[in-house]
Amino acid sequence: MINLEKIKEQEIDLDKVYDYAKFPDKVSGCCDNCNSACFKSSVKAGVFLRECRECGMKKSI
């Protein structure tokens, strides 16, 4: 049996920056890929970027 949850997790491209408005968190304050709550944040050109410390997934907030 194919687990659809695992397929959706595998589709996350860690090199891409996701837009929070289009892809909000599955669990508020946690990474969609690894479920970690540890992030490093930066601001460049008025864009707030949140990067997971565990897996490196990025979202612009």
PDB file of N, CA and C in Angstrom:
ATOM      1  N   MET A   1       0.848  -1.182   0.000  1.00  0.00           N
ATOM      2  CA  MET A   1       0.000   0.000   0.000  1.00  0.00           C
ATOM      3  C   MET A   1       0.895   1.247   0.000  1.00  0.00           C
ATOM      4  N   ILE A   2       0.580   2.223  -0.822  1.00  0.00           N
ATOM      5  CA  ILE A   2       1.358   3.450  -0.931  1.00  0.00           C
ATOM      6  C   ILE A   2       0.859   4.457   0.103  1.00  0.00           C
ATOM      7  N   ASN A   3       1.784   4.980   0.875  1.00  0.00           N
ATOM      8  CA  ASN A   3       1.448   5.980   1.876  1.00  0.00           C
ATOM      9  C   ASN A   3       1.544   7.364   1.227  1.00  0.00           C
ATOM     10  N   LEU A   4       0.402   8.040   1.035  1.00  0.00           N
ATOM     11  CA  LEU A   4       0.364   9.342   0.362  1.00  0.00           C
ATOM     12  C   LEU A   4       1.104  10.406   1.153  1.00  0.00           C
ATOM     13  N   GLU A   5       1.145  10.287   2.488  1.00  0.00           N
ATOM     14  CA  GLU A   5       1.856  11.263   3.311  1.00  0.00           C
ATOM     15  C   GLU A   5       3.347  11.248   2.992  1.00  0.00           C
ATOM     16  N   LYS A   6       3.923  10.068   2.818  1.00  0.00           N
ATOM     17  CA  LYS A   6       5.349   9.972   2.499  1.00  0.00           C
ATOM     18  C   LYS A   6       5.641  10.517   1.105  1.00  0.00           C
ATOM     19  N   ILE A   7       4.744  10.301   0.166  1.00  0.00           N
ATOM     20  CA  ILE A   7       4.932  10.821  -1.195  1.00  0.00           C
ATOM     21  C   ILE A   7       4.935  12.343  -1.168  1.00  0.00           C
ATOM     22  N   LYS A   8       4.020  12.958  -0.419  1.00  0.00           N
ATOM     23  CA  LYS A   8       3.967  14.416  -0.330  1.00  0.00           C
ATOM     24  C   LYS A   8       5.234  14.964   0.314  1.00  0.00           C
ATOM     25  N   GLU A   9       5.769  14.267   1.337  1.00  0.00           N
ATOM     26  CA  GLU A   9       6.994  14.710   1.988  1.00  0.00           C
ATOM     27  C   GLU A   9       8.176  14.637   1.028  1.00  0.00           C
ATOM     28  N   GLN A  10       8.218  13.644   0.156  1.00  0.00           N
ATOM     29  CA  GLN A  10       9.323  13.476  -0.767  1.00  0.00           C
ATOM     30  C   GLN A  10       9.292  14.530  -1.872  1.00  0.00           C
ATOM     31  N   GLU A  11       8.155  15.133  -2.121  1.00  0.00           N
ATOM     32  CA  GLU A  11       8.031  16.127  -3.175  1.00  0.00           C
ATOM     33  C   GLU A  11       8.606  17.483  -2.765  1.00  0.00           C
ATOM     34  N   ILE A  12       8.970  17.663  -1.503  1.00  0.00           N
ATOM     35  CA  ILE A  12       9.518  18.929  -1.043  1.00  0.00           C
ATOM     36  C   ILE A  12      10.945  19.072  -1.554  1.00  0.00           C
ATOM     37  N   ASP A  13      11.157  20.132  -2.332  1.00  0.00           N
ATOM     38  CA  ASP A  13      12.466  20.432  -2.892  1.00  0.00           C
ATOM     39  C   ASP A  13      13.190  21.371  -1.935  1.00  0.00           C
ATOM     40  N   LEU A  14      14.281  20.913  -1.332  1.00  0.00           N
ATOM     41  CA  LEU A  14      14.986  21.701  -0.330  1.00  0.00           C
ATOM     42  C   LEU A  14      15.787  22.846  -0.931  1.00  0.00           C
ATOM     43  N   ASP A  15      15.962  22.874  -2.250  1.00  0.00           N
ATOM     44  CA  ASP A  15      16.663  23.969  -2.910  1.00  0.00           C
ATOM     45  C   ASP A  15      15.740  25.136  -3.246  1.00  0.00           C
ATOM     46  N   LYS A  16      14.439  24.910  -3.158  1.00  0.00           N
ATOM     47  CA  LYS A  16      13.441  25.919  -3.518  1.00  0.00           C
ATOM     48  C   LYS A  16      13.015  26.707  -2.275  1.00  0.00           C
ATOM     49  N   VAL A  17      12.696  27.986  -2.470  1.00  0.00           N
ATOM     50  CA  VAL A  17      12.152  28.815  -1.395  1.00  0.00           C
ATOM     51  C   VAL A  17      10.641  28.867  -1.576  1.00  0.00           C
ATOM     52  N   TYR A  18       9.902  28.357  -0.597  1.00  0.00           N
ATOM     53  CA  TYR A  18       8.449  28.315  -0.670  1.00  0.00           C
ATOM     54  C   TYR A  18       7.848  29.586  -0.086  1.00  0.00           C
ATOM     55  N   ASP A  19       6.711  30.006  -0.623  1.00  0.00           N
ATOM     56  CA  ASP A  19       5.996  31.188  -0.144  1.00  0.00           C
ATOM     57  C   ASP A  19       5.001  30.737   0.923  1.00  0.00           C
ATOM     58  N   TYR A  20       5.085  31.334   2.104  1.00  0.00           N
ATOM     59  CA  TYR A  20       4.231  30.938   3.224  1.00  0.00           C
ATOM     60  C   TYR A  20       2.747  31.138   2.910  1.00  0.00           C
ATOM     61  N   ALA A  21       2.419  32.167   2.138  1.00  0.00           N
ATOM     62  CA  ALA A  21       1.009  32.431   1.801  1.00  0.00           C
ATOM     63  C   ALA A  21       0.416  31.289   0.978  1.00  0.00           C
ATOM     64  N   LYS A  22       1.223  30.694   0.098  1.00  0.00           N
ATOM     65  CA  LYS A  22       0.746  29.590  -0.738  1.00  0.00           C
ATOM     66  C   LYS A  22       0.886  28.236  -0.044  1.00  0.00           C
ATOM     67  N   PHE A  23       1.922  28.103   0.797  1.00  0.00           N
ATOM     68  CA  PHE A  23       2.201  26.842   1.484  1.00  0.00           C
ATOM     69  C   PHE A  23       2.366  27.078   2.983  1.00  0.00           C
ATOM     70  N   PRO A  24       1.263  27.300   3.718  1.00  0.00           N
ATOM     71  CA  PRO A  24       1.389  27.505   5.165  1.00  0.00           C
ATOM     72  C   PRO A  24       1.864  26.216   5.860  1.00  0.00           C
ATOM     73  N   ASP A  25       2.322  26.356   7.099  1.00  0.00           N
ATOM     74  CA  ASP A  25       2.804  25.200   7.853  1.00  0.00           C
ATOM     75  C   ASP A  25       1.685  24.184   8.075  1.00  0.00           C
ATOM     76  N   LYS A  26       2.013  22.900   7.939  1.00  0.00           N
ATOM     77  CA  LYS A  26       1.050  21.834   8.254  1.00  0.00           C
ATOM     78  C   LYS A  26       0.761  21.862   9.744  1.00  0.00           C
ATOM     79  N   VAL A  27       1.812  21.977  10.547  1.00  0.00           N
ATOM     80  CA  VAL A  27       1.723  22.141  11.995  1.00  0.00           C
ATOM     81  C   VAL A  27       2.350  23.493  12.302  1.00  0.00           C
ATOM     82  N   SER A  28       1.590  24.380  12.888  1.00  0.00           N
ATOM     83  CA  SER A  28       2.045  25.752  13.108  1.00  0.00           C
ATOM     84  C   SER A  28       3.384  25.798  13.837  1.00  0.00           C
ATOM     85  N   GLY A  29       4.349  26.505  13.245  1.00  0.00           N
ATOM     86  CA  GLY A  29       5.656  26.687  13.852  1.00  0.00           C
ATOM     87  C   GLY A  29       6.614  25.533  13.664  1.00  0.00           C
ATOM     88  N   CYS A  30       6.243  24.542  12.871  1.00  0.00           N
ATOM     89  CA  CYS A  30       7.102  23.380  12.634  1.00  0.00           C
ATOM     90  C   CYS A  30       7.388  23.217  11.144  1.00  0.00           C
ATOM     91  N   CYS A  31       8.530  22.651  10.837  1.00  0.00           N
ATOM     92  CA  CYS A  31       8.928  22.406   9.451  1.00  0.00           C
ATOM     93  C   CYS A  31       8.022  21.346   8.823  1.00  0.00           C
ATOM     94  N   ASP A  32       7.617  21.576   7.578  1.00  0.00           N
ATOM     95  CA  ASP A  32       6.774  20.612   6.868  1.00  0.00           C
ATOM     96  C   ASP A  32       7.539  19.343   6.502  1.00  0.00           C
ATOM     97  N   ASN A  33       8.839  19.447   6.347  1.00  0.00           N
ATOM     98  CA  ASN A  33       9.647  18.312   5.907  1.00  0.00           C
ATOM     99  C   ASN A  33      10.046  17.392   7.061  1.00  0.00           C
ATOM    100  N   CYS A  34      10.617  17.963   8.139  1.00  0.00           N
ATOM    101  CA  CYS A  34      11.142  17.124   9.216  1.00  0.00           C
ATOM    102  C   CYS A  34      10.446  17.342  10.558  1.00  0.00           C
ATOM    103  N   ASN A  35       9.489  18.261  10.619  1.00  0.00           N
ATOM    104  CA  ASN A  35       8.691  18.543  11.813  1.00  0.00           C
ATOM    105  C   ASN A  35       9.495  19.189  12.940  1.00  0.00           C
ATOM    106  N   SER A  36      10.651  19.747  12.626  1.00  0.00           N
ATOM    107  CA  SER A  36      11.479  20.431  13.616  1.00  0.00           C
ATOM    108  C   SER A  36      10.926  21.836  13.856  1.00  0.00           C
ATOM    109  N   ALA A  37      11.200  22.377  15.046  1.00  0.00           N
ATOM    110  CA  ALA A  37      10.750  23.730  15.367  1.00  0.00           C
ATOM    111  C   ALA A  37      11.922  24.696  15.491  1.00  0.00           C
ATOM    112  N   CYS A  38      13.105  24.292  15.055  1.00  0.00           N
ATOM    113  CA  CYS A  38      14.303  25.143  15.131  1.00  0.00           C
ATOM    114  C   CYS A  38      14.569  25.760  13.765  1.00  0.00           C
ATOM    115  N   PHE A  39      14.538  27.094  13.715  1.00  0.00           N
ATOM    116  CA  PHE A  39      14.739  27.812  12.462  1.00  0.00           C
ATOM    117  C   PHE A  39      15.801  28.874  12.636  1.00  0.00           C
ATOM    118  N   LYS A  40      16.467  29.221  11.537  1.00  0.00           N
ATOM    119  CA  LYS A  40      17.285  30.423  11.500  1.00  0.00           C
ATOM    120  C   LYS A  40      16.616  31.369  10.520  1.00  0.00           C
ATOM    121  N   SER A  41      16.638  32.640  10.851  1.00  0.00           N
ATOM    122  CA  SER A  41      15.897  33.626  10.071  1.00  0.00           C
ATOM    123  C   SER A  41      16.829  34.712   9.560  1.00  0.00           C
ATOM    124  N   SER A  42      16.446  35.270   8.413  1.00  0.00           N
ATOM    125  CA  SER A  42      17.196  36.384   7.851  1.00  0.00           C
ATOM    126  C   SER A  42      16.248  37.286   7.072  1.00  0.00           C
ATOM    127  N   VAL A  43      16.671  38.534   6.893  1.00  0.00           N
ATOM    128  CA  VAL A  43      15.893  39.499   6.121  1.00  0.00           C
ATOM    129  C   VAL A  43      16.805  40.078   5.055  1.00  0.00           C
ATOM    130  N   LYS A  44      16.380  39.960   3.798  1.00  0.00           N
ATOM    131  CA  LYS A  44      17.120  40.542   2.680  1.00  0.00           C
ATOM    132  C   LYS A  44      16.129  41.192   1.735  1.00  0.00           C
ATOM    133  N   ALA A  45      16.384  42.436   1.391  1.00  0.00           N
ATOM    134  CA  ALA A  45      15.540  43.205   0.465  1.00  0.00           C
ATOM    135  C   ALA A  45      14.077  43.201   0.912  1.00  0.00           C
ATOM    136  N   GLY A  46      13.844  43.268   2.214  1.00  0.00           N
ATOM    137  CA  GLY A  46      12.482  43.329   2.742  1.00  0.00           C
ATOM    138  C   GLY A  46      11.757  42.001   2.771  1.00  0.00           C
ATOM    139  N   VAL A  47      12.454  40.897   2.510  1.00  0.00           N
ATOM    140  CA  VAL A  47      11.838  39.566   2.526  1.00  0.00           C
ATOM    141  C   VAL A  47      12.375  38.798   3.726  1.00  0.00           C
ATOM    142  N   PHE A  48      11.461  38.329   4.585  1.00  0.00           N
ATOM    143  CA  PHE A  48      11.829  37.540   5.754  1.00  0.00           C
ATOM    144  C   PHE A  48      11.920  36.083   5.325  1.00  0.00           C
ATOM    145  N   LEU A  49      13.083  35.479   5.507  1.00  0.00           N
ATOM    146  CA  LEU A  49      13.325  34.101   5.090  1.00  0.00           C
ATOM    147  C   LEU A  49      13.553  33.234   6.318  1.00  0.00           C
ATOM    148  N   ARG A  50      12.800  32.155   6.418  1.00  0.00           N
ATOM    149  CA  ARG A  50      12.924  31.212   7.539  1.00  0.00           C
ATOM    150  C   ARG A  50      13.481  29.897   7.001  1.00  0.00           C
ATOM    151  N   GLU A  51      14.590  29.422   7.591  1.00  0.00           N
ATOM    152  CA  GLU A  51      15.235  28.189   7.146  1.00  0.00           C
ATOM    153  C   GLU A  51      15.311  27.210   8.305  1.00  0.00           C
ATOM    154  N   CYS A  52      14.898  25.970   8.063  1.00  0.00           N
ATOM    155  CA  CYS A  52      14.949  24.928   9.081  1.00  0.00           C
ATOM    156  C   CYS A  52      16.408  24.571   9.368  1.00  0.00           C
ATOM    157  N   ARG A  53      16.770  24.482  10.629  1.00  0.00           N
ATOM    158  CA  ARG A  53      18.140  24.131  11.011  1.00  0.00           C
ATOM    159  C   ARG A  53      18.432  22.647  10.812  1.00  0.00           C
ATOM    160  N   GLU A  54      17.408  21.822  10.776  1.00  0.00           N
ATOM    161  CA  GLU A  54      17.610  20.373  10.614  1.00  0.00           C
ATOM    162  C   GLU A  54      17.773  19.971   9.154  1.00  0.00           C
ATOM    163  N   CYS A  55      16.825  20.367   8.297  1.00  0.00           N
ATOM    164  CA  CYS A  55      16.833  19.870   6.921  1.00  0.00           C
ATOM    165  C   CYS A  55      17.129  20.956   5.886  1.00  0.00           C
ATOM    166  N   GLY A  56      16.998  22.231   6.249  1.00  0.00           N
ATOM    167  CA  GLY A  56      17.315  23.311   5.320  1.00  0.00           C
ATOM    168  C   GLY A  56      16.150  23.808   4.480  1.00  0.00           C
ATOM    169  N   MET A  57      14.924  23.345   4.744  1.00  0.00           N
ATOM    170  CA  MET A  57      13.771  23.831   3.990  1.00  0.00           C
ATOM    171  C   MET A  57      13.566  25.319   4.263  1.00  0.00           C
ATOM    172  N   LYS A  58      13.282  26.103   3.198  1.00  0.00           N
ATOM    173  CA  LYS A  58      13.155  27.547   3.312  1.00  0.00           C
ATOM    174  C   LYS A  58      11.743  28.013   2.955  1.00  0.00           C
ATOM    175  N   LYS A  59      11.270  29.009   3.711  1.00  0.00           N
ATOM    176  CA  LYS A  59       9.992  29.660   3.405  1.00  0.00           C
ATOM    177  C   LYS A  59      10.160  31.145   3.559  1.00  0.00           C
ATOM    178  N   SER A  60       9.595  31.892   2.611  1.00  0.00           N
ATOM    179  CA  SER A  60       9.549  33.354   2.756  1.00  0.00           C
ATOM    180  C   SER A  60       8.240  33.697   3.429  1.00  0.00           C
ATOM    181  N   ILE A  61       8.338  34.502   4.458  1.00  0.00           N
ATOM    182  CA  ILE A  61       7.164  34.837   5.269  1.00  0.00           C
ATOM    183  C   ILE A  61       6.666  36.208   4.852  1.00  0.00           C
TER     184      ILE A  61
END
